[in-house]
Amino acid sequence: MACEGIESRKQSWPELVGVDGMEAEATIERENPVVNAKIIKVGSTDPEVIHDIFRCDRVWVWVDEQGLVAKTPQIG
């Protein structure tokens, strides 16, 4: 899938692993204002997550039971 202009913007946030999910969500949206970060608990059965359709304007923020980012957030 081609995503216009995505190459010139930040696409991945490995430095946010272990950070509070709400803080990570705000950081991602501040650093790349064309994406919508969405907090999802690890193991979620959210239908949008299950279908896993790639989107250039979305970043999943996977959090653990404590609400901390469990894996690197990235566009998709």
PDB file of N, CA and C in Angstrom:
ATOM      1  N   MET A   1       0.848  -1.184   0.000  1.00  0.00           N
ATOM      2  CA  MET A   1       0.000   0.000   0.000  1.00  0.00           C
ATOM      3  C   MET A   1       0.891   1.244   0.000  1.00  0.00           C
ATOM      4  N   ALA A   2       0.672   2.118  -0.932  1.00  0.00           N
ATOM      5  CA  ALA A   2       1.432   3.372  -0.993  1.00  0.00           C
ATOM      6  C   ALA A   2       0.732   4.422  -0.139  1.00  0.00           C
ATOM      7  N   CYS A   3       1.521   5.119   0.635  1.00  0.00           N
ATOM      8  CA  CYS A   3       0.986   6.139   1.522  1.00  0.00           C
ATOM      9  C   CYS A   3       1.705   7.446   1.234  1.00  0.00           C
ATOM     10  N   GLU A   4       1.034   8.344   0.572  1.00  0.00           N
ATOM     11  CA  GLU A   4       1.640   9.617   0.192  1.00  0.00           C
ATOM     12  C   GLU A   4       2.201  10.369   1.379  1.00  0.00           C
ATOM     13  N   GLY A   5       3.456  10.792   1.266  1.00  0.00           N
ATOM     14  CA  GLY A   5       4.088  11.631   2.271  1.00  0.00           C
ATOM     15  C   GLY A   5       4.504  10.932   3.551  1.00  0.00           C
ATOM     16  N   ILE A   6       4.232   9.653   3.673  1.00  0.00           N
ATOM     17  CA  ILE A   6       4.530   8.945   4.916  1.00  0.00           C
ATOM     18  C   ILE A   6       6.033   8.807   5.150  1.00  0.00           C
ATOM     19  N   GLU A   7       6.799   8.711   4.063  1.00  0.00           N
ATOM     20  CA  GLU A   7       8.246   8.516   4.188  1.00  0.00           C
ATOM     21  C   GLU A   7       8.923   9.669   4.918  1.00  0.00           C
ATOM     22  N   SER A   8       8.355  10.851   4.839  1.00  0.00           N
ATOM     23  CA  SER A   8       8.980  12.024   5.449  1.00  0.00           C
ATOM     24  C   SER A   8       8.566  12.239   6.905  1.00  0.00           C
ATOM     25  N   ARG A   9       7.749  11.360   7.450  1.00  0.00           N
ATOM     26  CA  ARG A   9       7.281  11.497   8.832  1.00  0.00           C
ATOM     27  C   ARG A   9       7.704  10.291   9.660  1.00  0.00           C
ATOM     28  N   LYS A  10       7.753  10.498  10.965  1.00  0.00           N
ATOM     29  CA  LYS A  10       8.122   9.408  11.880  1.00  0.00           C
ATOM     30  C   LYS A  10       7.092   8.288  11.777  1.00  0.00           C
ATOM     31  N   GLN A  11       7.572   7.032  11.743  1.00  0.00           N
ATOM     32  CA  GLN A  11       6.691   5.887  11.547  1.00  0.00           C
ATOM     33  C   GLN A  11       6.729   4.860  12.677  1.00  0.00           C
ATOM     34  N   SER A  12       7.734   4.956  13.549  1.00  0.00           N
ATOM     35  CA  SER A  12       7.924   3.966  14.603  1.00  0.00           C
ATOM     36  C   SER A  12       8.477   4.657  15.847  1.00  0.00           C
ATOM     37  N   TRP A  13       8.078   4.170  17.027  1.00  0.00           N
ATOM     38  CA  TRP A  13       8.453   4.790  18.300  1.00  0.00           C
ATOM     39  C   TRP A  13       8.995   3.757  19.289  1.00  0.00           C
ATOM     40  N   PRO A  14      10.151   3.154  19.038  1.00  0.00           N
ATOM     41  CA  PRO A  14      10.686   2.143  19.966  1.00  0.00           C
ATOM     42  C   PRO A  14      11.010   2.718  21.347  1.00  0.00           C
ATOM     43  N   GLU A  15      11.280   4.005  21.412  1.00  0.00           N
ATOM     44  CA  GLU A  15      11.622   4.640  22.692  1.00  0.00           C
ATOM     45  C   GLU A  15      10.441   4.714  23.651  1.00  0.00           C
ATOM     46  N   LEU A  16       9.236   4.404  23.166  1.00  0.00           N
ATOM     47  CA  LEU A  16       8.052   4.484  24.023  1.00  0.00           C
ATOM     48  C   LEU A  16       7.713   3.173  24.735  1.00  0.00           C
ATOM     49  N   VAL A  17       8.416   2.099  24.433  1.00  0.00           N
ATOM     50  CA  VAL A  17       8.178   0.827  25.129  1.00  0.00           C
ATOM     51  C   VAL A  17       8.467   1.040  26.614  1.00  0.00           C
ATOM     52  N   GLY A  18       7.496   0.672  27.453  1.00  0.00           N
ATOM     53  CA  GLY A  18       7.617   0.826  28.898  1.00  0.00           C
ATOM     54  C   GLY A  18       7.037   2.125  29.432  1.00  0.00           C
ATOM     55  N   VAL A  19       6.621   3.017  28.529  1.00  0.00           N
ATOM     56  CA  VAL A  19       6.040   4.311  28.905  1.00  0.00           C
ATOM     57  C   VAL A  19       4.532   4.143  29.097  1.00  0.00           C
ATOM     58  N   ASP A  20       3.931   4.997  29.909  1.00  0.00           N
ATOM     59  CA  ASP A  20       2.479   4.997  30.089  1.00  0.00           C
ATOM     60  C   ASP A  20       1.789   5.144  28.720  1.00  0.00           C
ATOM     61  N   GLY A  21       0.763   4.345  28.466  1.00  0.00           N
ATOM     62  CA  GLY A  21       0.078   4.337  27.177  1.00  0.00           C
ATOM     63  C   GLY A  21      -0.516   5.675  26.782  1.00  0.00           C
ATOM     64  N   MET A  22      -1.109   6.391  27.726  1.00  0.00           N
ATOM     65  CA  MET A  22      -1.709   7.693  27.421  1.00  0.00           C
ATOM     66  C   MET A  22      -0.629   8.698  27.019  1.00  0.00           C
ATOM     67  N   GLU A  23       0.499   8.650  27.712  1.00  0.00           N
ATOM     68  CA  GLU A  23       1.622   9.529  27.374  1.00  0.00           C
ATOM     69  C   GLU A  23       2.157   9.186  25.976  1.00  0.00           C
ATOM     70  N   ALA A  24       2.259   7.886  25.689  1.00  0.00           N
ATOM     71  CA  ALA A  24       2.740   7.438  24.385  1.00  0.00           C
ATOM     72  C   ALA A  24       1.790   7.895  23.270  1.00  0.00           C
ATOM     73  N   GLU A  25       0.501   7.761  23.504  1.00  0.00           N
ATOM     74  CA  GLU A  25      -0.506   8.188  22.521  1.00  0.00           C
ATOM     75  C   GLU A  25      -0.325   9.672  22.189  1.00  0.00           C
ATOM     76  N   ALA A  26      -0.177  10.498  23.203  1.00  0.00           N
ATOM     77  CA  ALA A  26      -0.001  11.938  22.997  1.00  0.00           C
ATOM     78  C   ALA A  26       1.304  12.250  22.270  1.00  0.00           C
ATOM     79  N   THR A  27       2.368  11.548  22.621  1.00  0.00           N
ATOM     80  CA  THR A  27       3.671  11.761  21.980  1.00  0.00           C
ATOM     81  C   THR A  27       3.600  11.426  20.497  1.00  0.00           C
ATOM     82  N   ILE A  28       3.018  10.290  20.179  1.00  0.00           N
ATOM     83  CA  ILE A  28       2.909   9.848  18.783  1.00  0.00           C
ATOM     84  C   ILE A  28       2.135  10.873  17.963  1.00  0.00           C
ATOM     85  N   GLU A  29       0.990  11.305  18.466  1.00  0.00           N
ATOM     86  CA  GLU A  29       0.154  12.250  17.724  1.00  0.00           C
ATOM     87  C   GLU A  29       0.815  13.626  17.619  1.00  0.00           C
ATOM     88  N   ARG A  30       1.644  13.985  18.576  1.00  0.00           N
ATOM     89  CA  ARG A  30       2.379  15.251  18.509  1.00  0.00           C
ATOM     90  C   ARG A  30       3.510  15.155  17.477  1.00  0.00           C
ATOM     91  N   GLU A  31       4.217  14.015  17.471  1.00  0.00           N
ATOM     92  CA  GLU A  31       5.357  13.849  16.574  1.00  0.00           C
ATOM     93  C   GLU A  31       4.958  13.547  15.138  1.00  0.00           C
ATOM     94  N   ASN A  32       3.775  12.995  14.933  1.00  0.00           N
ATOM     95  CA  ASN A  32       3.270  12.738  13.588  1.00  0.00           C
ATOM     96  C   ASN A  32       1.777  13.071  13.580  1.00  0.00           C
ATOM     97  N   PRO A  33       1.442  14.342  13.314  1.00  0.00           N
ATOM     98  CA  PRO A  33       0.052  14.787  13.417  1.00  0.00           C
ATOM     99  C   PRO A  33      -0.915  14.194  12.384  1.00  0.00           C
ATOM    100  N   VAL A  34      -0.432  13.432  11.422  1.00  0.00           N
ATOM    101  CA  VAL A  34      -1.354  12.822  10.453  1.00  0.00           C
ATOM    102  C   VAL A  34      -1.854  11.455  10.890  1.00  0.00           C
ATOM    103  N   VAL A  35      -1.363  10.955  12.048  1.00  0.00           N
ATOM    104  CA  VAL A  35      -1.823   9.651  12.526  1.00  0.00           C
ATOM    105  C   VAL A  35      -2.719   9.779  13.747  1.00  0.00           C
ATOM    106  N   ASN A  36      -3.526   8.765  13.942  1.00  0.00           N
ATOM    107  CA  ASN A  36      -4.368   8.640  15.120  1.00  0.00           C
ATOM    108  C   ASN A  36      -3.842   7.434  15.900  1.00  0.00           C
ATOM    109  N   ALA A  37      -3.311   7.687  17.085  1.00  0.00           N
ATOM    110  CA  ALA A  37      -2.824   6.600  17.934  1.00  0.00           C
ATOM    111  C   ALA A  37      -4.003   6.046  18.733  1.00  0.00           C
ATOM    112  N   LYS A  38      -4.054   4.728  18.830  1.00  0.00           N
ATOM    113  CA  LYS A  38      -5.154   4.086  19.546  1.00  0.00           C
ATOM    114  C   LYS A  38      -4.588   3.074  20.538  1.00  0.00           C
ATOM    115  N   ILE A  39      -4.958   3.229  21.793  1.00  0.00           N
ATOM    116  CA  ILE A  39      -4.490   2.323  22.841  1.00  0.00           C
ATOM    117  C   ILE A  39      -5.300   1.028  22.788  1.00  0.00           C
ATOM    118  N   ILE A  40      -4.569  -0.089  22.776  1.00  0.00           N
ATOM    119  CA  ILE A  40      -5.177  -1.413  22.726  1.00  0.00           C
ATOM    120  C   ILE A  40      -4.479  -2.286  23.767  1.00  0.00           C
ATOM    121  N   LYS A  41      -5.247  -3.009  24.565  1.00  0.00           N
ATOM    122  CA  LYS A  41      -4.648  -3.930  25.535  1.00  0.00           C
ATOM    123  C   LYS A  41      -4.155  -5.180  24.817  1.00  0.00           C
ATOM    124  N   VAL A  42      -2.988  -5.665  25.233  1.00  0.00           N
ATOM    125  CA  VAL A  42      -2.438  -6.900  24.680  1.00  0.00           C
ATOM    126  C   VAL A  42      -3.483  -8.000  24.841  1.00  0.00           C
ATOM    127  N   GLY A  43      -3.743  -8.750  23.778  1.00  0.00           N
ATOM    128  CA  GLY A  43      -4.733  -9.817  23.799  1.00  0.00           C
ATOM    129  C   GLY A  43      -6.134  -9.353  23.458  1.00  0.00           C
ATOM    130  N   SER A  44      -6.287  -8.112  23.027  1.00  0.00           N
ATOM    131  CA  SER A  44      -7.598  -7.550  22.713  1.00  0.00           C
ATOM    132  C   SER A  44      -8.294  -8.332  21.604  1.00  0.00           C
ATOM    133  N   THR A  45      -9.625  -8.368  21.708  1.00  0.00           N
ATOM    134  CA  THR A  45     -10.430  -8.995  20.669  1.00  0.00           C
ATOM    135  C   THR A  45     -11.222  -7.937  19.891  1.00  0.00           C
ATOM    136  N   ASP A  46     -10.757  -6.697  19.935  1.00  0.00           N
ATOM    137  CA  ASP A  46     -11.368  -5.602  19.178  1.00  0.00           C
ATOM    138  C   ASP A  46     -11.422  -6.006  17.707  1.00  0.00           C
ATOM    139  N   PRO A  47     -12.601  -5.978  17.067  1.00  0.00           N
ATOM    140  CA  PRO A  47     -12.729  -6.398  15.657  1.00  0.00           C
ATOM    141  C   PRO A  47     -11.783  -5.658  14.719  1.00  0.00           C
ATOM    142  N   GLU A  48     -11.528  -4.392  14.970  1.00  0.00           N
ATOM    143  CA  GLU A  48     -10.626  -3.619  14.116  1.00  0.00           C
ATOM    144  C   GLU A  48      -9.210  -4.193  14.179  1.00  0.00           C
ATOM    145  N   VAL A  49      -8.810  -4.672  15.344  1.00  0.00           N
ATOM    146  CA  VAL A  49      -7.482  -5.252  15.523  1.00  0.00           C
ATOM    147  C   VAL A  49      -7.415  -6.622  14.875  1.00  0.00           C
ATOM    148  N   ILE A  50      -8.447  -7.411  15.062  1.00  0.00           N
ATOM    149  CA  ILE A  50      -8.477  -8.771  14.528  1.00  0.00           C
ATOM    150  C   ILE A  50      -8.341  -8.767  13.005  1.00  0.00           C
ATOM    151  N   HIS A  51      -9.014  -7.841  12.328  1.00  0.00           N
ATOM    152  CA  HIS A  51      -8.971  -7.789  10.862  1.00  0.00           C
ATOM    153  C   HIS A  51      -7.647  -7.226  10.365  1.00  0.00           C
ATOM    154  N   ASP A  52      -6.928  -6.484  11.209  1.00  0.00           N
ATOM    155  CA  ASP A  52      -5.571  -6.026  10.959  1.00  0.00           C
ATOM    156  C   ASP A  52      -5.355  -5.470   9.545  1.00  0.00           C
ATOM    157  N   ILE A  53      -6.186  -4.544   9.150  1.00  0.00           N
ATOM    158  CA  ILE A  53      -6.055  -3.882   7.858  1.00  0.00           C
ATOM    159  C   ILE A  53      -5.038  -2.755   8.008  1.00  0.00           C
ATOM    160  N   PHE A  54      -4.030  -2.733   7.123  1.00  0.00           N
ATOM    161  CA  PHE A  54      -2.995  -1.709   7.189  1.00  0.00           C
ATOM    162  C   PHE A  54      -3.593  -0.342   6.885  1.00  0.00           C
ATOM    163  N   ARG A  55      -3.257   0.630   7.733  1.00  0.00           N
ATOM    164  CA  ARG A  55      -3.696   2.011   7.515  1.00  0.00           C
ATOM    165  C   ARG A  55      -2.529   2.942   7.801  1.00  0.00           C
ATOM    166  N   CYS A  56      -2.295   3.887   6.900  1.00  0.00           N
ATOM    167  CA  CYS A  56      -1.191   4.845   7.035  1.00  0.00           C
ATOM    168  C   CYS A  56      -1.459   5.886   8.109  1.00  0.00           C
ATOM    169  N   ASP A  57      -2.693   5.997   8.535  1.00  0.00           N
ATOM    170  CA  ASP A  57      -3.055   7.054   9.486  1.00  0.00           C
ATOM    171  C   ASP A  57      -3.330   6.522  10.891  1.00  0.00           C
ATOM    172  N   ARG A  58      -2.853   5.300  11.173  1.00  0.00           N
ATOM    173  CA  ARG A  58      -3.152   4.694  12.468  1.00  0.00           C
ATOM    174  C   ARG A  58      -1.898   4.081  13.088  1.00  0.00           C
ATOM    175  N   VAL A  59      -1.821   4.196  14.409  1.00  0.00           N
ATOM    176  CA  VAL A  59      -0.759   3.546  15.181  1.00  0.00           C
ATOM    177  C   VAL A  59      -1.416   2.843  16.359  1.00  0.00           C
ATOM    178  N   TRP A  60      -1.220   1.533  16.452  1.00  0.00           N
ATOM    179  CA  TRP A  60      -1.679   0.797  17.630  1.00  0.00           C
ATOM    180  C   TRP A  60      -0.678   1.022  18.741  1.00  0.00           C
ATOM    181  N   VAL A  61      -1.181   1.337  19.928  1.00  0.00           N
ATOM    182  CA  VAL A  61      -0.336   1.467  21.118  1.00  0.00           C
ATOM    183  C   VAL A  61      -0.724   0.306  22.028  1.00  0.00           C
ATOM    184  N   TRP A  62       0.040  -0.787  21.944  1.00  0.00           N
ATOM    185  CA  TRP A  62      -0.244  -1.992  22.711  1.00  0.00           C
ATOM    186  C   TRP A  62       0.221  -1.812  24.148  1.00  0.00           C
ATOM    187  N   VAL A  63      -0.705  -1.951  25.101  1.00  0.00           N
ATOM    188  CA  VAL A  63      -0.363  -1.782  26.512  1.00  0.00           C
ATOM    189  C   VAL A  63      -0.632  -3.061  27.299  1.00  0.00           C
ATOM    190  N   ASP A  64       0.134  -3.223  28.377  1.00  0.00           N
ATOM    191  CA  ASP A  64      -0.044  -4.370  29.267  1.00  0.00           C
ATOM    192  C   ASP A  64      -1.080  -4.053  30.343  1.00  0.00           C
ATOM    193  N   GLU A  65      -1.193  -4.928  31.331  1.00  0.00           N
ATOM    194  CA  GLU A  65      -2.186  -4.768  32.396  1.00  0.00           C
ATOM    195  C   GLU A  65      -1.979  -3.494  33.213  1.00  0.00           C
ATOM    196  N   GLN A  66      -0.748  -3.011  33.277  1.00  0.00           N
ATOM    197  CA  GLN A  66      -0.445  -1.785  34.022  1.00  0.00           C
ATOM    198  C   GLN A  66      -0.612  -0.521  33.171  1.00  0.00           C
ATOM    199  N   GLY A  67      -0.980  -0.694  31.903  1.00  0.00           N
ATOM    200  CA  GLY A  67      -1.153   0.451  31.017  1.00  0.00           C
ATOM    201  C   GLY A  67       0.138   0.961  30.409  1.00  0.00           C
ATOM    202  N   LEU A  68       1.195   0.132  30.473  1.00  0.00           N
ATOM    203  CA  LEU A  68       2.488   0.511  29.903  1.00  0.00           C
ATOM    204  C   LEU A  68       2.641  -0.081  28.503  1.00  0.00           C
ATOM    205  N   VAL A  69       3.284   0.665  27.621  1.00  0.00           N
ATOM    206  CA  VAL A  69       3.478   0.211  26.239  1.00  0.00           C
ATOM    207  C   VAL A  69       4.290  -1.079  26.255  1.00  0.00           C
ATOM    208  N   ALA A  70       3.741  -2.122  25.619  1.00  0.00           N
ATOM    209  CA  ALA A  70       4.329  -3.458  25.662  1.00  0.00           C
ATOM    210  C   ALA A  70       5.175  -3.786  24.437  1.00  0.00           C
ATOM    211  N   LYS A  71       4.922  -3.112  23.306  1.00  0.00           N
ATOM    212  CA  LYS A  71       5.736  -3.339  22.115  1.00  0.00           C
ATOM    213  C   LYS A  71       5.801  -2.060  21.299  1.00  0.00           C
ATOM    214  N   THR A  72       6.762  -1.993  20.403  1.00  0.00           N
ATOM    215  CA  THR A  72       7.028  -0.773  19.648  1.00  0.00           C
ATOM    216  C   THR A  72       5.804  -0.329  18.852  1.00  0.00           C
ATOM    217  N   PRO A  73       5.291   0.866  19.129  1.00  0.00           N
ATOM    218  CA  PRO A  73       4.207   1.405  18.312  1.00  0.00           C
ATOM    219  C   PRO A  73       4.744   1.765  16.918  1.00  0.00           C
ATOM    220  N   GLN A  74       3.961   1.424  15.901  1.00  0.00           N
ATOM    221  CA  GLN A  74       4.355   1.760  14.534  1.00  0.00           C
ATOM    222  C   GLN A  74       3.123   1.933  13.661  1.00  0.00           C
ATOM    223  N   ILE A  75       3.291   2.679  12.593  1.00  0.00           N
ATOM    224  CA  ILE A  75       2.184   2.909  11.671  1.00  0.00           C
ATOM    225  C   ILE A  75       1.722   1.584  11.107  1.00  0.00           C
ATOM    226  N   GLY A  76       0.434   1.442  10.956  1.00  0.00           N
ATOM    227  CA  GLY A  76      -0.104   0.230  10.365  1.00  0.00           C
ATOM    228  C   GLY A  76      -1.503   0.033  10.777  1.00  0.00           C
TER     229      GLY A  76
END
